[in-house]
C-alpha cells in the first residue's frame, strides 16, 4: 500500500465520520481552530519574546535609530 492510498483512506474515514455525525464535525472544527491558535501563539512568542537574542538585536537597532533621529532633531532646534 502506497503512502498516497494510506492518506486517502484516512481522509475518507475522517470525512465519513464528519458527514454522518454533527458532533464529530464540531469537534473537528474546534480541534483545527485550537491547533491554528496554538501555532499563532507560538509564532508570536518566538517573534516577540525579548529573551530571544535576535529580537533583542532588532529592538536595540530600532532604539538606536530612534535615538539618532531624536539627537538630530534636538541639534536642529538649537
Protein backbone atom coordinates (compact mmCIF):
# COMPACT_ATOMS: atom_id res chain seq x y z
CA UNK A 1 0.00 0.00 0.00
CA UNK A 2 1.49 3.30 -1.04
CA UNK A 3 1.55 6.39 1.06
CA UNK A 4 -0.98 8.09 -1.24
CA UNK A 5 -3.62 5.41 -0.72
CA UNK A 6 -2.94 5.33 3.03
CA UNK A 7 -3.55 9.08 3.37
CA UNK A 8 -6.58 8.88 1.09
CA UNK A 9 -8.06 6.09 3.22
CA UNK A 10 -7.50 8.01 6.46
CA UNK A 11 -9.02 11.16 4.92
CA UNK A 12 -12.01 9.18 3.62
CA UNK A 13 -12.68 7.66 7.05
CA UNK A 14 -12.47 11.07 8.75
CA UNK A 15 -14.72 12.61 6.08
CA UNK A 16 -17.25 9.79 6.56
CA UNK A 17 -17.46 10.43 10.31
CA UNK A 18 -17.69 14.19 9.78
CA UNK A 19 -20.56 13.79 7.30
CA UNK A 20 -22.52 11.30 9.39
CA UNK A 21 -22.23 12.83 12.88
CA UNK A 22 -22.62 16.53 13.60
CA UNK A 23 -20.76 16.35 16.91
CA UNK A 24 -17.69 14.92 15.14
CA UNK A 25 -17.82 17.79 12.67
CA UNK A 26 -17.99 20.29 15.53
CA UNK A 27 -15.13 18.57 17.34
CA UNK A 28 -13.04 18.56 14.15
CA UNK A 29 -13.66 22.29 13.69
CA UNK A 30 -12.79 23.06 17.31
CA UNK A 31 -9.62 20.96 17.23
CA UNK A 32 -8.47 22.54 13.97
CA UNK A 33 -9.08 26.03 15.44
CA UNK A 34 -7.19 25.05 18.59
CA UNK A 35 -4.21 23.89 16.54
CA UNK A 36 -4.28 27.09 14.48
CA UNK A 37 -4.43 29.34 17.56
CA UNK A 38 -1.64 27.47 19.35
CA UNK A 39 0.52 27.80 16.23
CA UNK A 40 -0.19 31.55 16.06
CA UNK A 41 0.59 31.97 19.77
CA UNK A 42 3.87 30.08 19.46
CA UNK A 43 4.82 32.08 16.35
CA UNK A 44 4.04 35.36 18.13
CA UNK A 45 6.03 34.30 21.19
CA UNK A 46 9.10 33.38 19.11
CA UNK A 47 8.98 36.61 17.11
CA UNK A 48 8.35 38.97 20.06
CA UNK A 49 9.99 37.35 23.10
CA UNK A 50 12.71 39.68 24.44
CA UNK A 51 14.71 36.70 25.70
CA UNK A 52 15.38 35.75 22.07
CA UNK A 53 18.76 37.23 21.02
CA UNK A 54 17.56 38.09 17.51
CA UNK A 55 14.62 40.02 18.93
CA UNK A 56 16.97 41.78 21.36
CA UNK A 57 19.14 42.84 18.43
CA UNK A 58 16.12 44.13 16.47
CA UNK A 59 14.88 46.11 19.49
CA UNK A 60 18.37 47.54 20.05
CA UNK A 61 18.67 48.58 16.38
CA UNK A 62 15.25 50.22 16.46
CA UNK A 63 16.12 52.07 19.66
CA UNK A 64 19.46 53.29 18.28
CA UNK A 65 17.81 54.51 15.08
CA UNK A 66 15.20 56.41 17.10
CA UNK A 67 17.92 57.87 19.36
CA UNK A 68 19.86 59.14 16.34
CA UNK A 69 16.74 60.74 14.88
CA UNK A 70 15.91 62.41 18.20
CA UNK A 71 19.50 63.63 18.55
CA UNK A 72 19.36 65.17 15.05
CA UNK A 73 16.05 66.84 15.88
CA UNK A 74 17.41 68.25 19.15
CA UNK A 75 20.54 69.55 17.42
CA UNK A 76 18.48 71.22 14.69
CA UNK A 77 16.30 73.04 17.25
CA UNK A 78 19.30 74.67 18.94
